[in-house]
Amino acid sequence: MFKDIVLAVTPSSICENAAEKAFSFASRFESKLYLLHVCGMEQGWGAMEHLETSGVVDRIRENMKEYYKERLCKMPNCEVIVVAGISHNEILRVARKKNADLIIMGPHTKEHAEKRSKMWGMAGSTLERVSQRARCPVMIVTRETPGNGDFKTIVAATDLSEQAGCAVAYAGQLARHYKAGLTVLNILESNKIYPSDIRDQIEKARNRLQSEYGGRLEGLKDCSFECAVGDPPMEILDVAQKKNADLVIMAHHSKETDPEKAFLGSTVTKVALNCGCPTMSVNRHFDLRCGMMYDQTGQVVEVTSTV
């Protein structure tokens, strides 16, 4: 399903959960896995303050191979890449060069474990910039995710923007592939609705979800459209917990028409850093690259897909 995966790592334990998910996917789908470290992302393997001597890069690469040796010995189709530069730029460059169909990251913040509560709305992180600009889906894994990689329950959050439509479409593809349940969720902000109008607005929002996405998701056996009122990150987290979701999919900040200008400091970050399951950011249209695709009735059709 995922043919080329880029796993962006630091030597910190905060990336362990992301690494576990990436190795699990790569093994299951016989994917090519690119294990990437950008010098300067975090200290530990020997971050380079100056772009110099290839000997330093080689040493870091060998340290990485030693660190992951038990996993790498089971993964013959894995390449360890070490580059020097600006973290998000290099992650995006490698993903484009390798034609990746998935980037997997941890929080990439050294103080994540201690300061997670202070990161709500934090701007400018590597995670945010990669999620904003990636041409493929970005999966953010901050906690242990037991299981064999199946997604049984998916929540797709949408604000009905164009980018969010891409996220819902991708969620539909995953739901078909995994035969998973899919909940399409829209959050109405309470400060924009009169209390007396809440019930009516929820019903209108549900109808609009059905009208907007119903045709694209036709044929899914377990698909529902829901609406809640409140703070978007909190409501998405609440629904994901109640649904026991295995994956939350959404676009990075959304109403901005140009995804390059939209800033993620945002609902995606807040959900990803506090969710009990992986969060996937999808901003453009993608097709699963598993050698097949599905039409709206769920029948398999041959396609040539690109990223």
C-alpha atoms as a PDB file:
ATOM      1  CA  MET A   1       0.000   0.000   0.000  1.00  0.00           C
ATOM      2  CA  PHE A   2       2.709   2.451   1.018  1.00  0.00           C
ATOM      3  CA  LYS A   3       5.550   1.842  -1.431  1.00  0.00           C
ATOM      4  CA  ASP A   4       8.103   4.455  -0.398  1.00  0.00           C
ATOM      5  CA  ILE A   5       8.196   5.694   3.200  1.00  0.00           C
ATOM      6  CA  VAL A   6      10.423   8.407   4.639  1.00  0.00           C
ATOM      7  CA  LEU A   7      10.934   8.136   8.392  1.00  0.00           C
ATOM      8  CA  ALA A   8      12.428  11.360   9.789  1.00  0.00           C
ATOM      9  CA  VAL A   9      14.166  10.626  13.086  1.00  0.00           C
ATOM     10  CA  THR A  10      16.263  12.151  15.831  1.00  0.00           C
ATOM     11  CA  PRO A  11      18.253  10.192  18.440  1.00  0.00           C
ATOM     12  CA  SER A  12      15.680  11.078  21.081  1.00  0.00           C
ATOM     13  CA  SER A  13      13.283   8.502  22.479  1.00  0.00           C
ATOM     14  CA  ILE A  14      10.380  10.723  21.364  1.00  0.00           C
ATOM     15  CA  CYS A  15      10.808   9.265  17.864  1.00  0.00           C
ATOM     16  CA  GLU A  16      10.565   5.633  18.979  1.00  0.00           C
ATOM     17  CA  ASN A  17       6.813   5.362  18.426  1.00  0.00           C
ATOM     18  CA  ALA A  18       7.106   6.858  14.948  1.00  0.00           C
ATOM     19  CA  ALA A  19       9.976   4.488  14.140  1.00  0.00           C
ATOM     20  CA  GLU A  20       7.975   1.492  15.317  1.00  0.00           C
ATOM     21  CA  LYS A  21       5.058   2.459  13.056  1.00  0.00           C
ATOM     22  CA  ALA A  22       7.323   3.056  10.042  1.00  0.00           C
ATOM     23  CA  PHE A  23       9.173  -0.251  10.383  1.00  0.00           C
ATOM     24  CA  SER A  24       5.855  -2.035  10.878  1.00  0.00           C
ATOM     25  CA  PHE A  25       4.387  -0.526   7.699  1.00  0.00           C
ATOM     26  CA  ALA A  26       7.550  -1.167   5.691  1.00  0.00           C
ATOM     27  CA  SER A  27       7.636  -4.802   6.741  1.00  0.00           C
ATOM     28  CA  ARG A  28       3.968  -5.422   6.136  1.00  0.00           C
ATOM     29  CA  PHE A  29       3.747  -3.714   2.751  1.00  0.00           C
ATOM     30  CA  GLU A  30       7.284  -4.630   1.600  1.00  0.00           C
ATOM     31  CA  SER A  31       7.968  -0.917   1.246  1.00  0.00           C
ATOM     32  CA  LYS A  32      11.209   0.860   0.590  1.00  0.00           C
ATOM     33  CA  LEU A  33      12.042   2.651   3.842  1.00  0.00           C
ATOM     34  CA  TYR A  34      14.273   5.717   3.956  1.00  0.00           C
ATOM     35  CA  LEU A  35      15.575   6.310   7.459  1.00  0.00           C
ATOM     36  CA  LEU A  36      16.465  10.011   7.441  1.00  0.00           C
ATOM     37  CA  HIS A  37      18.334  12.190   9.905  1.00  0.00           C
ATOM     38  CA  VAL A  38      19.059  15.847   9.237  1.00  0.00           C
ATOM     39  CA  CYS A  39      22.107  17.085  11.116  1.00  0.00           C
ATOM     40  CA  GLY A  40      21.008  19.857  13.400  1.00  0.00           C
ATOM     41  CA  MET A  41      17.465  18.549  14.070  1.00  0.00           C
ATOM     42  CA  GLU A  42      18.517  17.330  17.518  1.00  0.00           C
ATOM     43  CA  GLN A  43      21.744  16.648  19.372  1.00  0.00           C
ATOM     44  CA  GLY A  44      22.805  13.087  19.996  1.00  0.00           C
ATOM     45  CA  TRP A  45      24.253  11.446  16.898  1.00  0.00           C
ATOM     46  CA  GLY A  46      26.654  14.324  16.365  1.00  0.00           C
ATOM     47  CA  ALA A  47      24.824  17.319  14.947  1.00  0.00           C
ATOM     48  CA  MET A  48      26.974  19.479  12.645  1.00  0.00           C
ATOM     49  CA  GLU A  49      27.112  23.204  13.234  1.00  0.00           C
ATOM     50  CA  HIS A  50      28.919  23.708   9.946  1.00  0.00           C
ATOM     51  CA  LEU A  51      28.366  21.951   6.644  1.00  0.00           C
ATOM     52  CA  GLU A  52      31.680  20.125   6.396  1.00  0.00           C
ATOM     53  CA  THR A  53      33.635  16.893   6.196  1.00  0.00           C
ATOM     54  CA  SER A  54      31.882  13.858   4.870  1.00  0.00           C
ATOM     55  CA  GLY A  55      33.611  11.890   7.607  1.00  0.00           C
ATOM     56  CA  VAL A  56      31.228  13.371  10.144  1.00  0.00           C
ATOM     57  CA  VAL A  57      28.210  12.360   8.084  1.00  0.00           C
ATOM     58  CA  ASP A  58      29.607   8.830   7.752  1.00  0.00           C
ATOM     59  CA  ARG A  59      30.082   8.572  11.501  1.00  0.00           C
ATOM     60  CA  ILE A  60      26.524   9.669  12.179  1.00  0.00           C
ATOM     61  CA  ARG A  61      25.235   7.190   9.595  1.00  0.00           C
ATOM     62  CA  GLU A  62      27.136   4.350  11.276  1.00  0.00           C
ATOM     63  CA  ASN A  63      25.767   5.425  14.671  1.00  0.00           C
ATOM     64  CA  MET A  64      22.259   5.256  13.253  1.00  0.00           C
ATOM     65  CA  LYS A  65      22.839   1.808  11.798  1.00  0.00           C
ATOM     66  CA  GLU A  66      24.074   0.636  15.175  1.00  0.00           C
ATOM     67  CA  TYR A  67      21.112   2.217  16.974  1.00  0.00           C
ATOM     68  CA  TYR A  68      18.571   0.528  14.678  1.00  0.00           C
ATOM     69  CA  LYS A  69      20.565  -2.622  13.895  1.00  0.00           C
ATOM     70  CA  GLU A  70      17.993  -5.084  15.261  1.00  0.00           C
ATOM     71  CA  ARG A  71      15.288  -3.596  13.057  1.00  0.00           C
ATOM     72  CA  LEU A  72      17.503  -3.048  10.032  1.00  0.00           C
ATOM     73  CA  CYS A  73      18.630  -6.679   9.942  1.00  0.00           C
ATOM     74  CA  LYS A  74      14.996  -7.598   9.249  1.00  0.00           C
ATOM     75  CA  MET A  75      14.589  -4.853   6.642  1.00  0.00           C
ATOM     76  CA  PRO A  76      16.793  -5.472   3.591  1.00  0.00           C
ATOM     77  CA  ASN A  77      14.974  -2.770   1.621  1.00  0.00           C
ATOM     78  CA  CYS A  78      16.001   0.122   3.865  1.00  0.00           C
ATOM     79  CA  GLU A  79      18.349   3.031   3.165  1.00  0.00           C
ATOM     80  CA  VAL A  80      19.914   5.159   5.908  1.00  0.00           C
ATOM     81  CA  ILE A  81      20.311   8.790   4.826  1.00  0.00           C
ATOM     82  CA  VAL A  82      22.151  11.528   6.717  1.00  0.00           C
ATOM     83  CA  VAL A  83      22.213  15.062   5.350  1.00  0.00           C
ATOM     84  CA  ALA A  84      23.146  18.450   6.726  1.00  0.00           C
ATOM     85  CA  GLY A  85      20.850  21.420   6.356  1.00  0.00           C
ATOM     86  CA  ILE A  86      17.603  22.970   7.494  1.00  0.00           C
ATOM     87  CA  SER A  87      15.471  20.185   8.906  1.00  0.00           C
ATOM     88  CA  HIS A  88      12.142  20.696   7.187  1.00  0.00           C
ATOM     89  CA  ASN A  89      13.733  21.630   3.857  1.00  0.00           C
ATOM     90  CA  GLU A  90      15.787  18.439   3.768  1.00  0.00           C
ATOM     91  CA  ILE A  91      12.916  16.188   4.813  1.00  0.00           C
ATOM     92  CA  LEU A  92      10.758  17.629   2.044  1.00  0.00           C
ATOM     93  CA  ARG A  93      13.592  17.428  -0.494  1.00  0.00           C
ATOM     94  CA  VAL A  94      14.294  13.766   0.243  1.00  0.00           C
ATOM     95  CA  ALA A  95      10.582  12.918   0.156  1.00  0.00           C
ATOM     96  CA  ARG A  96      10.258  14.528  -3.288  1.00  0.00           C
ATOM     97  CA  LYS A  97      13.436  12.920  -4.607  1.00  0.00           C
ATOM     98  CA  LYS A  98      12.345   9.463  -3.475  1.00  0.00           C
ATOM     99  CA  ASN A  99       8.773  10.006  -4.648  1.00  0.00           C
ATOM    100  CA  ALA A 100       7.568   9.098  -1.171  1.00  0.00           C
ATOM    101  CA  ASP A 101       3.914   8.351  -0.607  1.00  0.00           C
ATOM    102  CA  LEU A 102       4.195   8.721   3.163  1.00  0.00           C
ATOM    103  CA  ILE A 103       6.319  10.693   5.620  1.00  0.00           C
ATOM    104  CA  ILE A 104       6.298   9.499   9.222  1.00  0.00           C
ATOM    105  CA  MET A 105       7.494  11.758  12.038  1.00  0.00           C
ATOM    106  CA  GLY A 106       7.465  12.026  15.791  1.00  0.00           C
ATOM    107  CA  PRO A 107       6.918  15.365  17.523  1.00  0.00           C
ATOM    108  CA  HIS A 108      10.545  16.389  16.785  1.00  0.00           C
ATOM    109  CA  THR A 109      10.629  18.551  19.848  1.00  0.00           C
ATOM    110  CA  LYS A 110      13.196  17.681  22.506  1.00  0.00           C
ATOM    111  CA  GLU A 111      11.067  18.830  25.408  1.00  0.00           C
ATOM    112  CA  HIS A 112       7.890  17.176  24.096  1.00  0.00           C
ATOM    113  CA  ALA A 113       7.409  14.828  27.014  1.00  0.00           C
ATOM    114  CA  GLU A 114       7.751  17.573  29.612  1.00  0.00           C
ATOM    115  CA  LYS A 115       6.187  20.519  27.817  1.00  0.00           C
ATOM    116  CA  ARG A 116       3.445  19.057  25.668  1.00  0.00           C
ATOM    117  CA  SER A 117       0.773  21.107  27.396  1.00  0.00           C
ATOM    118  CA  LYS A 118       2.644  24.317  26.544  1.00  0.00           C
ATOM    119  CA  MET A 119       2.866  23.474  22.851  1.00  0.00           C
ATOM    120  CA  TRP A 120      -0.747  24.275  22.025  1.00  0.00           C
ATOM    121  CA  GLY A 121      -0.498  26.763  19.210  1.00  0.00           C
ATOM    122  CA  MET A 122       3.287  26.563  19.085  1.00  0.00           C
ATOM    123  CA  ALA A 123       4.487  27.736  15.663  1.00  0.00           C
ATOM    124  CA  GLY A 124       7.504  27.117  13.484  1.00  0.00           C
ATOM    125  CA  SER A 125       8.408  23.548  14.371  1.00  0.00           C
ATOM    126  CA  THR A 126       9.810  21.060  11.881  1.00  0.00           C
ATOM    127  CA  LEU A 127       6.628  19.034  12.184  1.00  0.00           C
ATOM    128  CA  GLU A 128       4.475  22.011  11.245  1.00  0.00           C
ATOM    129  CA  ARG A 129       6.542  23.052   8.261  1.00  0.00           C
ATOM    130  CA  VAL A 130       6.737  19.544   6.843  1.00  0.00           C
ATOM    131  CA  SER A 131       2.992  19.053   7.288  1.00  0.00           C
ATOM    132  CA  GLN A 132       2.278  22.349   5.566  1.00  0.00           C
ATOM    133  CA  ARG A 133       4.352  21.739   2.465  1.00  0.00           C
ATOM    134  CA  ALA A 134       4.574  17.996   1.905  1.00  0.00           C
ATOM    135  CA  ARG A 135       3.350  16.647  -1.416  1.00  0.00           C
ATOM    136  CA  CYS A 136       2.402  13.364   0.256  1.00  0.00           C
ATOM    137  CA  PRO A 137       0.538  12.519   3.469  1.00  0.00           C
ATOM    138  CA  VAL A 138       2.409  13.105   6.727  1.00  0.00           C
ATOM    139  CA  MET A 139       1.709  10.758   9.630  1.00  0.00           C
ATOM    140  CA  ILE A 140       2.531  12.118  13.073  1.00  0.00           C
ATOM    141  CA  VAL A 141       2.983   9.445  15.751  1.00  0.00           C
ATOM    142  CA  THR A 142       3.537  10.616  19.314  1.00  0.00           C
ATOM    143  CA  ARG A 143       2.391   7.596  21.321  1.00  0.00           C
ATOM    144  CA  GLU A 144       2.639   3.841  21.232  1.00  0.00           C
ATOM    145  CA  THR A 145       0.118   2.371  18.806  1.00  0.00           C
ATOM    146  CA  PRO A 146      -0.442  -1.324  19.468  1.00  0.00           C
ATOM    147  CA  GLY A 147      -1.692  -3.607  16.734  1.00  0.00           C
ATOM    148  CA  ASN A 148      -0.427  -4.804  13.360  1.00  0.00           C
ATOM    149  CA  GLY A 149      -0.974  -1.576  11.457  1.00  0.00           C
ATOM    150  CA  ASP A 150      -4.612  -2.074  10.528  1.00  0.00           C
ATOM    151  CA  PHE A 151      -6.969   0.868  10.714  1.00  0.00           C
ATOM    152  CA  LYS A 152     -10.396  -0.259  11.841  1.00  0.00           C
ATOM    153  CA  THR A 153     -11.853   3.118  12.744  1.00  0.00           C
ATOM    154  CA  ILE A 154     -10.915   6.373  10.989  1.00  0.00           C
ATOM    155  CA  VAL A 155     -12.018   9.899  11.862  1.00  0.00           C
ATOM    156  CA  ALA A 156     -11.707  12.478   9.070  1.00  0.00           C
ATOM    157  CA  ALA A 157     -12.092  16.051  10.341  1.00  0.00           C
ATOM    158  CA  THR A 158     -13.148  18.666   7.802  1.00  0.00           C
ATOM    159  CA  ASP A 159     -14.007  22.356   7.695  1.00  0.00           C
ATOM    160  CA  LEU A 160     -15.351  21.881   4.142  1.00  0.00           C
ATOM    161  CA  SER A 161     -12.360  23.627   2.588  1.00  0.00           C
ATOM    162  CA  GLU A 162     -10.679  22.373  -0.577  1.00  0.00           C
ATOM    163  CA  GLN A 163      -7.714  20.972   1.352  1.00  0.00           C
ATOM    164  CA  ALA A 164     -10.011  19.242   3.818  1.00  0.00           C
ATOM    165  CA  GLY A 165     -11.818  17.683   0.860  1.00  0.00           C
ATOM    166  CA  CYS A 166      -8.532  16.076  -0.173  1.00  0.00           C
ATOM    167  CA  ALA A 167      -8.135  14.691   3.351  1.00  0.00           C
ATOM    168  CA  VAL A 168     -11.655  13.214   3.330  1.00  0.00           C
ATOM    169  CA  ALA A 169     -11.082  11.659  -0.089  1.00  0.00           C
ATOM    170  CA  TYR A 170      -7.874  10.032   1.123  1.00  0.00           C
ATOM    171  CA  ALA A 171      -9.651   8.821   4.262  1.00  0.00           C
ATOM    172  CA  GLY A 172     -12.233   7.199   1.995  1.00  0.00           C
ATOM    173  CA  GLN A 173      -9.493   5.380   0.076  1.00  0.00           C
ATOM    174  CA  LEU A 174      -7.977   4.075   3.308  1.00  0.00           C
ATOM    175  CA  ALA A 175     -11.400   3.039   4.609  1.00  0.00           C
ATOM    176  CA  ARG A 176     -12.021   1.042   1.430  1.00  0.00           C
ATOM    177  CA  HIS A 177      -8.594  -0.564   1.563  1.00  0.00           C
ATOM    178  CA  TYR A 178      -8.875  -1.562   5.222  1.00  0.00           C
ATOM    179  CA  LYS A 179     -12.644  -2.104   5.203  1.00  0.00           C
ATOM    180  CA  ALA A 180     -12.640   0.361   8.094  1.00  0.00           C
ATOM    181  CA  GLY A 181     -15.372   2.459   9.626  1.00  0.00           C
ATOM    182  CA  LEU A 182     -15.193   6.130   8.685  1.00  0.00           C
ATOM    183  CA  THR A 183     -16.591   9.109  10.581  1.00  0.00           C
ATOM    184  CA  VAL A 184     -16.571  12.433   8.711  1.00  0.00           C
ATOM    185  CA  LEU A 185     -16.602  15.156  11.348  1.00  0.00           C
ATOM    186  CA  ASN A 186     -17.247  18.886  11.161  1.00  0.00           C
ATOM    187  CA  ILE A 187     -16.833  21.200  14.152  1.00  0.00           C
ATOM    188  CA  LEU A 188     -18.899  24.361  14.530  1.00  0.00           C
ATOM    189  CA  GLU A 189     -17.252  26.954  16.734  1.00  0.00           C
ATOM    190  CA  SER A 190     -19.609  27.831  19.570  1.00  0.00           C
ATOM    191  CA  ASN A 191     -18.679  31.522  19.599  1.00  0.00           C
ATOM    192  CA  LYS A 192     -20.145  31.839  16.094  1.00  0.00           C
ATOM    193  CA  ILE A 193     -23.546  30.354  16.899  1.00  0.00           C
ATOM    194  CA  TYR A 194     -26.402  31.603  19.040  1.00  0.00           C
ATOM    195  CA  PRO A 195     -27.294  28.957  21.661  1.00  0.00           C
ATOM    196  CA  SER A 196     -30.870  28.842  20.407  1.00  0.00           C
ATOM    197  CA  ASP A 197     -29.642  27.964  16.900  1.00  0.00           C
ATOM    198  CA  ILE A 198     -27.262  25.134  17.813  1.00  0.00           C
ATOM    199  CA  ARG A 199     -29.582  22.232  17.057  1.00  0.00           C
ATOM    200  CA  ASP A 200     -30.633  23.717  13.734  1.00  0.00           C
ATOM    201  CA  GLN A 201     -27.033  24.504  12.753  1.00  0.00           C
ATOM    202  CA  ILE A 202     -25.884  20.978  13.596  1.00  0.00           C
ATOM    203  CA  GLU A 203     -28.584  19.508  11.385  1.00  0.00           C
ATOM    204  CA  LYS A 204     -27.670  21.855   8.527  1.00  0.00           C
ATOM    205  CA  ALA A 205     -23.980  20.977   8.919  1.00  0.00           C
ATOM    206  CA  ARG A 206     -24.742  17.247   8.797  1.00  0.00           C
ATOM    207  CA  ASN A 207     -26.786  17.698   5.659  1.00  0.00           C
ATOM    208  CA  ARG A 208     -24.005  19.685   4.056  1.00  0.00           C
ATOM    209  CA  LEU A 209     -21.453  16.968   4.891  1.00  0.00           C
ATOM    210  CA  GLN A 210     -23.725  14.395   3.310  1.00  0.00           C
ATOM    211  CA  SER A 211     -24.197  16.551   0.226  1.00  0.00           C
ATOM    212  CA  GLU A 212     -20.491  17.424  -0.101  1.00  0.00           C
ATOM    213  CA  TYR A 213     -18.946  14.000   0.505  1.00  0.00           C
ATOM    214  CA  GLY A 214     -21.718  11.416   0.206  1.00  0.00           C
ATOM    215  CA  GLY A 215     -21.094  10.734  -3.476  1.00  0.00           C
ATOM    216  CA  ARG A 216     -17.347  10.287  -3.017  1.00  0.00           C
ATOM    217  CA  LEU A 217     -17.836   7.846  -0.147  1.00  0.00           C
ATOM    218  CA  GLU A 218     -20.682   5.870  -1.656  1.00  0.00           C
ATOM    219  CA  GLY A 219     -20.242   2.136  -1.163  1.00  0.00           C
ATOM    220  CA  LEU A 220     -18.509   2.319   2.216  1.00  0.00           C
ATOM    221  CA  LYS A 221     -20.343  -0.042   4.538  1.00  0.00           C
ATOM    222  CA  ASP A 222     -19.725   1.913   7.719  1.00  0.00           C
ATOM    223  CA  CYS A 223     -19.660   5.650   7.044  1.00  0.00           C
ATOM    224  CA  SER A 224     -21.258   8.334   9.187  1.00  0.00           C
ATOM    225  CA  PHE A 225     -21.430  12.122   9.129  1.00  0.00           C
ATOM    226  CA  GLU A 226     -21.272  13.930  12.450  1.00  0.00           C
ATOM    227  CA  CYS A 227     -21.132  17.489  13.700  1.00  0.00           C
ATOM    228  CA  ALA A 228     -20.142  18.899  17.083  1.00  0.00           C
ATOM    229  CA  VAL A 229     -19.975  22.369  18.596  1.00  0.00           C
ATOM    230  CA  GLY A 230     -16.983  23.710  20.486  1.00  0.00           C
ATOM    231  CA  ASP A 231     -13.240  24.215  20.213  1.00  0.00           C
ATOM    232  CA  PRO A 232     -12.135  22.223  17.121  1.00  0.00           C
ATOM    233  CA  PRO A 233      -9.052  20.469  18.566  1.00  0.00           C
ATOM    234  CA  MET A 234     -10.849  19.519  21.768  1.00  0.00           C
ATOM    235  CA  GLU A 235     -13.892  18.223  19.929  1.00  0.00           C
ATOM    236  CA  ILE A 236     -11.839  16.207  17.450  1.00  0.00           C
ATOM    237  CA  LEU A 237      -9.867  14.641  20.303  1.00  0.00           C
ATOM    238  CA  ASP A 238     -13.098  13.877  22.131  1.00  0.00           C
ATOM    239  CA  VAL A 239     -14.711  12.179  19.131  1.00  0.00           C
ATOM    240  CA  ALA A 240     -11.510  10.232  18.351  1.00  0.00           C
ATOM    241  CA  GLN A 241     -11.441   8.945  21.915  1.00  0.00           C
ATOM    242  CA  LYS A 242     -15.122   8.022  21.967  1.00  0.00           C
ATOM    243  CA  LYS A 243     -14.829   6.234  18.619  1.00  0.00           C
ATOM    244  CA  ASN A 244     -11.634   4.502  19.749  1.00  0.00           C
ATOM    245  CA  ALA A 245     -10.124   5.736  16.495  1.00  0.00           C
ATOM    246  CA  ASP A 246      -6.996   4.170  15.026  1.00  0.00           C
ATOM    247  CA  LEU A 247      -6.292   7.203  12.839  1.00  0.00           C
ATOM    248  CA  VAL A 248      -7.340  10.855  12.591  1.00  0.00           C
ATOM    249  CA  ILE A 249      -7.021  12.462   9.150  1.00  0.00           C
ATOM    250  CA  MET A 250      -7.286  16.158   8.420  1.00  0.00           C
ATOM    251  CA  ALA A 251      -5.787  18.954   6.381  1.00  0.00           C
ATOM    252  CA  HIS A 252      -3.447  21.391   8.053  1.00  0.00           C
ATOM    253  CA  HIS A 253      -5.107  24.728   8.750  1.00  0.00           C
ATOM    254  CA  SER A 254      -7.568  24.881   6.030  1.00  0.00           C
ATOM    255  CA  LYS A 255      -9.571  27.949   5.089  1.00  0.00           C
ATOM    256  CA  GLU A 256      -6.467  29.511   3.524  1.00  0.00           C
ATOM    257  CA  THR A 257      -6.820  28.827  -0.206  1.00  0.00           C
ATOM    258  CA  ASP A 258      -3.079  28.452  -0.801  1.00  0.00           C
ATOM    259  CA  PRO A 259      -1.758  25.523   1.286  1.00  0.00           C
ATOM    260  CA  GLU A 260       1.752  26.983   1.126  1.00  0.00           C
ATOM    261  CA  LYS A 261       0.553  30.086   2.967  1.00  0.00           C
ATOM    262  CA  ALA A 262      -1.642  28.394   5.541  1.00  0.00           C
ATOM    263  CA  PHE A 263       0.032  27.976   8.916  1.00  0.00           C
ATOM    264  CA  LEU A 264      -0.331  24.771  10.843  1.00  0.00           C
ATOM    265  CA  GLY A 265       0.138  26.206  14.316  1.00  0.00           C
ATOM    266  CA  SER A 266      -3.116  24.957  14.623  1.00  0.00           C
ATOM    267  CA  THR A 267      -5.702  22.321  14.941  1.00  0.00           C
ATOM    268  CA  VAL A 268      -3.486  19.627  13.373  1.00  0.00           C
ATOM    269  CA  THR A 269      -0.632  20.297  15.778  1.00  0.00           C
ATOM    270  CA  LYS A 270      -2.913  20.353  18.788  1.00  0.00           C
ATOM    271  CA  VAL A 271      -4.616  17.125  17.789  1.00  0.00           C
ATOM    272  CA  ALA A 272      -1.411  15.336  16.770  1.00  0.00           C
ATOM    273  CA  LEU A 273       0.457  16.121  19.967  1.00  0.00           C
ATOM    274  CA  ASN A 274      -2.399  15.066  22.226  1.00  0.00           C
ATOM    275  CA  CYS A 275      -4.152  12.255  20.358  1.00  0.00           C
ATOM    276  CA  GLY A 276      -4.068   8.639  21.458  1.00  0.00           C
ATOM    277  CA  CYS A 277      -3.672   7.476  17.855  1.00  0.00           C
ATOM    278  CA  PRO A 278      -1.624   8.662  14.863  1.00  0.00           C
ATOM    279  CA  THR A 279      -2.711  11.842  13.073  1.00  0.00           C
ATOM    280  CA  MET A 280      -2.312  12.210   9.327  1.00  0.00           C
ATOM    281  CA  SER A 281      -2.065  15.540   7.538  1.00  0.00           C
ATOM    282  CA  VAL A 282      -3.251  15.518   3.910  1.00  0.00           C
ATOM    283  CA  ASN A 283      -3.346  18.765   1.945  1.00  0.00           C
ATOM    284  CA  ARG A 284      -3.472  17.689  -1.690  1.00  0.00           C
ATOM    285  CA  HIS A 285      -5.085  14.904  -3.666  1.00  0.00           C
ATOM    286  CA  PHE A 286      -3.301  11.545  -3.425  1.00  0.00           C
ATOM    287  CA  ASP A 287      -4.095   8.049  -4.604  1.00  0.00           C
ATOM    288  CA  LEU A 288      -3.015   4.950  -2.753  1.00  0.00           C
ATOM    289  CA  ARG A 289      -0.135   3.430  -4.659  1.00  0.00           C
ATOM    290  CA  CYS A 290      -0.958  -0.220  -4.063  1.00  0.00           C
ATOM    291  CA  GLY A 291      -1.321  -1.054  -7.759  1.00  0.00           C
ATOM    292  CA  MET A 292      -5.073  -0.635  -7.669  1.00  0.00           C
ATOM    293  CA  MET A 293      -7.698   1.921  -6.866  1.00  0.00           C
ATOM    294  CA  TYR A 294     -11.370   1.861  -6.067  1.00  0.00           C
ATOM    295  CA  ASP A 295     -14.286   3.403  -7.826  1.00  0.00           C
ATOM    296  CA  GLN A 296     -17.177   4.885  -5.875  1.00  0.00           C
ATOM    297  CA  THR A 297     -18.931   1.509  -5.633  1.00  0.00           C
ATOM    298  CA  GLY A 298     -15.897  -0.125  -4.058  1.00  0.00           C
ATOM    299  CA  GLN A 299     -14.955  -2.086  -7.181  1.00  0.00           C
ATOM    300  CA  VAL A 300     -11.253  -2.387  -7.983  1.00  0.00           C
ATOM    301  CA  VAL A 301     -10.077  -0.507 -11.090  1.00  0.00           C
ATOM    302  CA  GLU A 302      -6.606  -0.272 -12.595  1.00  0.00           C
ATOM    303  CA  VAL A 303      -4.927   3.129 -12.432  1.00  0.00           C
ATOM    304  CA  THR A 304      -1.579   4.778 -12.869  1.00  0.00           C
ATOM    305  CA  SER A 305      -1.210   6.920  -9.772  1.00  0.00           C
ATOM    306  CA  THR A 306       1.246   9.693  -9.114  1.00  0.00           C
ATOM    307  CA  VAL A 307       2.236  11.850  -6.189  1.00  0.00           C
END
